Amino acid sequence: MKKWMLSILLNAVALIVVDQLFASFYLEGFGTALLASVILSVLNIFVKPLLVVLTLPITIVSFGLFLFVINAITLMITQVLLGSSFVISGFAMAIGAAVILSILNLILQRLIKDTILVQRR
């Protein structure tokens, strides 16, 4: 549970960073970022595996790059669910945001992991 909550928090921070970087990616505030992060987490548990299986051939042919399109689809679904408090202007922005969110989450998780390892020593 702690790990999931930390993941939600890190994803919310990454969403805020993307919001600050691009005018075509809008979040109403940190509360919306947290809610979007929870929704994305649920979609990643239930919807993403189905999309991955359905698009497996194209994912293999694209050497996994199609996974960014799947992540963009989950972002667009989240946008629909949250309405005007979370707006992504177009699918190209959703793909760009998916790429940046993946990179930011990787960096943030690595920083947290390294910090925890240093504290345990």
N, C-alpha and C. Protein backbone atom coordinates (compact mmCIF):
# COMPACT_ATOMS: atom_id res chain seq x y z
N MET A 1 0.82 -1.20 0.00
CA MET A 1 0.00 0.00 0.00
C MET A 1 0.87 1.26 0.00
N LYS A 2 1.95 1.25 0.81
CA LYS A 2 2.85 2.40 0.85
C LYS A 2 3.49 2.64 -0.51
N LYS A 3 3.89 1.54 -1.16
CA LYS A 3 4.54 1.64 -2.46
C LYS A 3 3.58 2.22 -3.50
N TRP A 4 2.32 1.77 -3.46
CA TRP A 4 1.32 2.27 -4.39
C TRP A 4 1.07 3.75 -4.16
N MET A 5 0.96 4.16 -2.90
CA MET A 5 0.71 5.57 -2.58
C MET A 5 1.89 6.44 -3.01
N LEU A 6 3.11 5.94 -2.83
CA LEU A 6 4.29 6.67 -3.28
C LEU A 6 4.29 6.80 -4.80
N SER A 7 3.90 5.74 -5.47
CA SER A 7 3.81 5.76 -6.93
C SER A 7 2.77 6.79 -7.40
N ILE A 8 1.64 6.85 -6.71
CA ILE A 8 0.59 7.83 -7.03
C ILE A 8 1.13 9.24 -6.85
N LEU A 9 1.82 9.47 -5.74
CA LEU A 9 2.38 10.80 -5.46
C LEU A 9 3.42 11.20 -6.50
N LEU A 10 4.32 10.28 -6.85
CA LEU A 10 5.35 10.57 -7.84
C LEU A 10 4.74 10.85 -9.21
N ASN A 11 3.72 10.09 -9.56
CA ASN A 11 3.04 10.32 -10.84
C ASN A 11 2.33 11.68 -10.84
N ALA A 12 1.75 12.06 -9.71
CA ALA A 12 1.10 13.37 -9.61
C ALA A 12 2.13 14.49 -9.78
N VAL A 13 3.29 14.33 -9.18
CA VAL A 13 4.36 15.33 -9.34
C VAL A 13 4.78 15.41 -10.81
N ALA A 14 4.92 14.26 -11.46
CA ALA A 14 5.29 14.24 -12.88
C ALA A 14 4.22 14.92 -13.73
N LEU A 15 2.95 14.71 -13.40
CA LEU A 15 1.87 15.38 -14.13
C LEU A 15 1.95 16.89 -13.96
N ILE A 16 2.26 17.35 -12.75
CA ILE A 16 2.41 18.79 -12.50
C ILE A 16 3.57 19.35 -13.32
N VAL A 17 4.66 18.62 -13.40
CA VAL A 17 5.82 19.08 -14.19
C VAL A 17 5.43 19.23 -15.66
N VAL A 18 4.73 18.23 -16.21
CA VAL A 18 4.29 18.31 -17.61
C VAL A 18 3.34 19.49 -17.79
N ASP A 19 2.47 19.71 -16.82
CA ASP A 19 1.55 20.85 -16.85
C ASP A 19 2.33 22.17 -16.92
N GLN A 20 3.41 22.26 -16.18
CA GLN A 20 4.21 23.48 -16.17
C GLN A 20 5.01 23.66 -17.46
N LEU A 21 5.35 22.57 -18.11
CA LEU A 21 6.17 22.64 -19.33
C LEU A 21 5.38 23.00 -20.58
N PHE A 22 4.11 22.61 -20.64
CA PHE A 22 3.34 22.76 -21.88
C PHE A 22 2.00 23.45 -21.63
N ALA A 23 1.72 24.46 -22.44
CA ALA A 23 0.45 25.17 -22.34
C ALA A 23 -0.71 24.29 -22.82
N SER A 24 -0.43 23.31 -23.66
CA SER A 24 -1.49 22.46 -24.19
C SER A 24 -1.80 21.25 -23.29
N PHE A 25 -1.24 21.27 -22.09
CA PHE A 25 -1.49 20.24 -21.08
C PHE A 25 -1.88 20.98 -19.81
N TYR A 26 -3.15 20.86 -19.40
CA TYR A 26 -3.66 21.66 -18.28
C TYR A 26 -4.20 20.79 -17.16
N LEU A 27 -3.75 21.09 -15.95
CA LEU A 27 -4.30 20.50 -14.72
C LEU A 27 -4.78 21.64 -13.83
N GLU A 28 -5.92 21.46 -13.23
CA GLU A 28 -6.49 22.52 -12.39
C GLU A 28 -5.67 22.76 -11.12
N GLY A 29 -5.02 21.75 -10.60
CA GLY A 29 -4.24 21.90 -9.38
C GLY A 29 -3.68 20.56 -8.93
N PHE A 30 -3.04 20.57 -7.75
CA PHE A 30 -2.42 19.34 -7.26
C PHE A 30 -3.46 18.27 -6.93
N GLY A 31 -4.62 18.69 -6.45
CA GLY A 31 -5.70 17.72 -6.17
C GLY A 31 -6.13 16.99 -7.43
N THR A 32 -6.24 17.73 -8.51
CA THR A 32 -6.58 17.12 -9.80
C THR A 32 -5.47 16.18 -10.25
N ALA A 33 -4.22 16.59 -10.02
CA ALA A 33 -3.08 15.73 -10.39
C ALA A 33 -3.13 14.42 -9.60
N LEU A 34 -3.45 14.50 -8.31
CA LEU A 34 -3.57 13.28 -7.50
C LEU A 34 -4.70 12.38 -8.00
N LEU A 35 -5.85 13.00 -8.28
CA LEU A 35 -6.99 12.23 -8.78
C LEU A 35 -6.67 11.61 -10.14
N ALA A 36 -6.04 12.38 -11.01
CA ALA A 36 -5.63 11.86 -12.33
C ALA A 36 -4.65 10.70 -12.16
N SER A 37 -3.76 10.83 -11.20
CA SER A 37 -2.79 9.77 -10.94
C SER A 37 -3.47 8.49 -10.46
N VAL A 38 -4.46 8.62 -9.61
CA VAL A 38 -5.22 7.45 -9.14
C VAL A 38 -5.96 6.80 -10.31
N ILE A 39 -6.61 7.63 -11.13
CA ILE A 39 -7.34 7.10 -12.29
C ILE A 39 -6.39 6.40 -13.25
N LEU A 40 -5.24 7.02 -13.52
CA LEU A 40 -4.25 6.40 -14.40
C LEU A 40 -3.77 5.07 -13.83
N SER A 41 -3.61 5.02 -12.52
CA SER A 41 -3.18 3.78 -11.88
C SER A 41 -4.22 2.67 -12.08
N VAL A 42 -5.48 3.01 -11.89
CA VAL A 42 -6.56 2.03 -12.08
C VAL A 42 -6.62 1.59 -13.55
N LEU A 43 -6.50 2.56 -14.47
CA LEU A 43 -6.51 2.22 -15.89
C LEU A 43 -5.32 1.33 -16.26
N ASN A 44 -4.17 1.61 -15.66
CA ASN A 44 -2.98 0.79 -15.93
C ASN A 44 -3.13 -0.63 -15.41
N ILE A 45 -3.95 -0.80 -14.37
CA ILE A 45 -4.18 -2.14 -13.82
C ILE A 45 -5.20 -2.92 -14.67
N PHE A 46 -6.28 -2.25 -15.09
CA PHE A 46 -7.39 -2.96 -15.73
C PHE A 46 -7.46 -2.81 -17.25
N VAL A 47 -7.18 -1.63 -17.78
CA VAL A 47 -7.36 -1.38 -19.21
C VAL A 47 -6.08 -1.61 -20.01
N LYS A 48 -4.96 -1.13 -19.49
CA LYS A 48 -3.71 -1.21 -20.24
C LYS A 48 -3.32 -2.64 -20.63
N PRO A 49 -3.44 -3.63 -19.73
CA PRO A 49 -3.09 -5.00 -20.15
C PRO A 49 -3.92 -5.49 -21.34
N LEU A 50 -5.19 -5.13 -21.36
CA LEU A 50 -6.06 -5.52 -22.48
C LEU A 50 -5.59 -4.85 -23.77
N LEU A 51 -5.28 -3.55 -23.68
CA LEU A 51 -4.78 -2.83 -24.86
C LEU A 51 -3.45 -3.40 -25.35
N VAL A 52 -2.59 -3.77 -24.42
CA VAL A 52 -1.29 -4.34 -24.79
C VAL A 52 -1.49 -5.66 -25.54
N VAL A 53 -2.38 -6.50 -25.04
CA VAL A 53 -2.63 -7.79 -25.70
C VAL A 53 -3.24 -7.57 -27.09
N LEU A 54 -4.19 -6.65 -27.19
CA LEU A 54 -4.85 -6.40 -28.48
C LEU A 54 -3.90 -5.81 -29.52
N THR A 55 -2.89 -5.08 -29.06
CA THR A 55 -1.97 -4.41 -29.99
C THR A 55 -0.58 -5.05 -29.99
N LEU A 56 -0.49 -6.26 -29.50
CA LEU A 56 0.82 -6.91 -29.39
C LEU A 56 1.60 -6.97 -30.70
N PRO A 57 0.97 -7.32 -31.82
CA PRO A 57 1.76 -7.36 -33.06
C PRO A 57 2.41 -6.01 -33.42
N ILE A 58 1.64 -4.94 -33.33
CA ILE A 58 2.20 -3.62 -33.68
C ILE A 58 3.22 -3.18 -32.63
N THR A 59 3.02 -3.57 -31.39
CA THR A 59 4.00 -3.24 -30.35
C THR A 59 5.32 -3.95 -30.62
N ILE A 60 5.25 -5.19 -31.04
CA ILE A 60 6.47 -5.94 -31.36
C ILE A 60 7.17 -5.33 -32.56
N VAL A 61 6.41 -5.03 -33.61
CA VAL A 61 6.99 -4.45 -34.83
C VAL A 61 7.64 -3.09 -34.55
N SER A 62 7.04 -2.33 -33.62
CA SER A 62 7.57 -0.99 -33.30
C SER A 62 8.62 -1.04 -32.19
N PHE A 63 9.05 -2.26 -31.84
CA PHE A 63 10.04 -2.44 -30.77
C PHE A 63 9.60 -1.82 -29.45
N GLY A 64 8.30 -1.88 -29.17
CA GLY A 64 7.77 -1.40 -27.90
C GLY A 64 7.37 0.06 -27.89
N LEU A 65 7.68 0.80 -28.95
CA LEU A 65 7.34 2.22 -28.97
C LEU A 65 5.84 2.47 -28.98
N PHE A 66 5.06 1.49 -29.45
CA PHE A 66 3.61 1.65 -29.46
C PHE A 66 3.04 1.73 -28.04
N LEU A 67 3.82 1.30 -27.06
CA LEU A 67 3.36 1.41 -25.67
C LEU A 67 3.13 2.87 -25.28
N PHE A 68 3.88 3.79 -25.89
CA PHE A 68 3.63 5.21 -25.64
C PHE A 68 2.25 5.63 -26.15
N VAL A 69 1.82 5.04 -27.25
CA VAL A 69 0.48 5.32 -27.78
C VAL A 69 -0.57 4.79 -26.80
N ILE A 70 -0.33 3.61 -26.26
CA ILE A 70 -1.25 3.04 -25.27
C ILE A 70 -1.30 3.93 -24.03
N ASN A 71 -0.15 4.41 -23.58
CA ASN A 71 -0.13 5.33 -22.44
C ASN A 71 -0.87 6.63 -22.77
N ALA A 72 -0.74 7.09 -24.00
CA ALA A 72 -1.47 8.29 -24.42
C ALA A 72 -2.98 8.05 -24.40
N ILE A 73 -3.39 6.86 -24.79
CA ILE A 73 -4.82 6.51 -24.75
C ILE A 73 -5.32 6.55 -23.31
N THR A 74 -4.54 6.01 -22.37
CA THR A 74 -4.98 6.05 -20.96
C THR A 74 -5.03 7.50 -20.46
N LEU A 75 -4.12 8.34 -20.92
CA LEU A 75 -4.18 9.76 -20.56
C LEU A 75 -5.45 10.41 -21.11
N MET A 76 -5.81 10.08 -22.35
CA MET A 76 -7.01 10.65 -22.96
C MET A 76 -8.28 10.16 -22.24
N ILE A 77 -8.30 8.90 -21.83
CA ILE A 77 -9.44 8.38 -21.07
C ILE A 77 -9.55 9.13 -19.74
N THR A 78 -8.41 9.35 -19.09
CA THR A 78 -8.40 10.11 -17.84
C THR A 78 -8.93 11.51 -18.05
N GLN A 79 -8.54 12.12 -19.16
CA GLN A 79 -9.03 13.47 -19.48
C GLN A 79 -10.54 13.48 -19.61
N VAL A 80 -11.10 12.49 -20.28
CA VAL A 80 -12.55 12.41 -20.44
C VAL A 80 -13.23 12.27 -19.08
N LEU A 81 -12.66 11.45 -18.21
CA LEU A 81 -13.26 11.22 -16.89
C LEU A 81 -13.19 12.45 -15.99
N LEU A 82 -12.14 13.25 -16.12
CA LEU A 82 -11.97 14.41 -15.25
C LEU A 82 -12.57 15.70 -15.81
N GLY A 83 -12.93 15.69 -17.06
CA GLY A 83 -13.57 16.86 -17.65
C GLY A 83 -12.65 18.06 -17.77
N SER A 84 -13.18 19.23 -17.46
CA SER A 84 -12.44 20.48 -17.70
C SER A 84 -11.30 20.71 -16.71
N SER A 85 -11.18 19.90 -15.67
CA SER A 85 -10.08 20.09 -14.72
C SER A 85 -8.78 19.45 -15.21
N PHE A 86 -8.86 18.67 -16.28
CA PHE A 86 -7.67 18.04 -16.88
C PHE A 86 -7.87 18.04 -18.39
N VAL A 87 -7.07 18.84 -19.08
CA VAL A 87 -7.25 19.01 -20.53
C VAL A 87 -5.94 18.77 -21.25
N ILE A 88 -5.99 17.92 -22.26
CA ILE A 88 -4.86 17.68 -23.15
C ILE A 88 -5.31 18.09 -24.54
N SER A 89 -4.60 19.03 -25.15
CA SER A 89 -5.00 19.55 -26.46
C SER A 89 -4.46 18.67 -27.58
N GLY A 90 -5.14 17.59 -27.86
CA GLY A 90 -4.79 16.75 -28.99
C GLY A 90 -4.04 15.49 -28.62
N PHE A 91 -4.11 14.54 -29.54
CA PHE A 91 -3.49 13.24 -29.31
C PHE A 91 -1.98 13.31 -29.38
N ALA A 92 -1.45 14.19 -30.22
CA ALA A 92 0.01 14.35 -30.30
C ALA A 92 0.57 14.82 -28.97
N MET A 93 -0.14 15.74 -28.31
CA MET A 93 0.29 16.20 -26.99
C MET A 93 0.21 15.05 -25.98
N ALA A 94 -0.81 14.22 -26.11
CA ALA A 94 -0.95 13.07 -25.21
C ALA A 94 0.22 12.10 -25.38
N ILE A 95 0.65 11.89 -26.62
CA ILE A 95 1.81 11.01 -26.85
C ILE A 95 3.07 11.64 -26.27
N GLY A 96 3.26 12.93 -26.53
CA GLY A 96 4.41 13.63 -25.96
C GLY A 96 4.41 13.59 -24.45
N ALA A 97 3.23 13.81 -23.87
CA ALA A 97 3.11 13.77 -22.41
C ALA A 97 3.40 12.37 -21.89
N ALA A 98 2.96 11.35 -22.60
CA ALA A 98 3.22 9.96 -22.18
C ALA A 98 4.72 9.68 -22.16
N VAL A 99 5.42 10.16 -23.16
CA VAL A 99 6.88 9.97 -23.21
C VAL A 99 7.55 10.69 -22.05
N ILE A 100 7.18 11.95 -21.85
CA ILE A 100 7.80 12.75 -20.78
C ILE A 100 7.44 12.19 -19.41
N LEU A 101 6.19 11.78 -19.22
CA LEU A 101 5.78 11.19 -17.94
C LEU A 101 6.57 9.92 -17.65
N SER A 102 6.79 9.11 -18.67
CA SER A 102 7.58 7.88 -18.48
C SER A 102 9.00 8.21 -18.03
N ILE A 103 9.60 9.19 -18.68
CA ILE A 103 10.97 9.59 -18.32
C ILE A 103 11.01 10.18 -16.92
N LEU A 104 10.06 11.08 -16.62
CA LEU A 104 10.03 11.71 -15.29
C LEU A 104 9.79 10.68 -14.18
N ASN A 105 8.86 9.76 -14.42
CA ASN A 105 8.60 8.73 -13.41
C ASN A 105 9.81 7.85 -13.18
N LEU A 106 10.52 7.53 -14.25
CA LEU A 106 11.75 6.75 -14.12
C LEU A 106 12.78 7.49 -13.27
N ILE A 107 12.97 8.77 -13.55
CA ILE A 107 13.93 9.58 -12.79
C ILE A 107 13.50 9.72 -11.33
N LEU A 108 12.22 10.05 -11.10
CA LEU A 108 11.74 10.24 -9.73
C LEU A 108 11.83 8.94 -8.92
N GLN A 109 11.45 7.83 -9.53
CA GLN A 109 11.53 6.55 -8.81
C GLN A 109 12.97 6.19 -8.50
N ARG A 110 13.85 6.49 -9.41
CA ARG A 110 15.28 6.20 -9.19
C ARG A 110 15.83 7.07 -8.05
N LEU A 111 15.45 8.35 -8.03
CA LEU A 111 15.90 9.25 -6.96
C LEU A 111 15.39 8.79 -5.60
N ILE A 112 14.13 8.41 -5.54
CA ILE A 112 13.55 7.93 -4.28
C ILE A 112 14.24 6.65 -3.84
N LYS A 113 14.45 5.73 -4.78
CA LYS A 113 15.10 4.46 -4.46
C LYS A 113 16.52 4.70 -3.94
N ASP A 114 17.27 5.58 -4.61
CA ASP A 114 18.63 5.89 -4.17
C ASP A 114 18.63 6.56 -2.80
N THR A 115 17.67 7.44 -2.55
CA THR A 115 17.57 8.12 -1.25
C THR A 115 17.28 7.12 -0.14
N ILE A 116 16.39 6.18 -0.41
CA ILE A 116 16.05 5.16 0.59
C ILE A 116 17.26 4.27 0.87
N LEU A 117 18.00 3.90 -0.18
CA LEU A 117 19.19 3.07 0.00
C LEU A 117 20.25 3.80 0.82
N VAL A 118 20.44 5.09 0.58
CA VAL A 118 21.43 5.87 1.33
C VAL A 118 21.02 5.97 2.80
N GLN A 119 19.72 6.15 3.06
CA GLN A 119 19.24 6.26 4.43
C GLN A 119 19.39 4.95 5.20
N ARG A 120 19.33 3.83 4.53
CA ARG A 120 19.45 2.53 5.20
C ARG A 120 20.88 2.19 5.59
N ARG A 121 21.85 2.87 4.99
CA ARG A 121 23.26 2.55 5.27
C ARG A 121 23.69 3.06 6.59
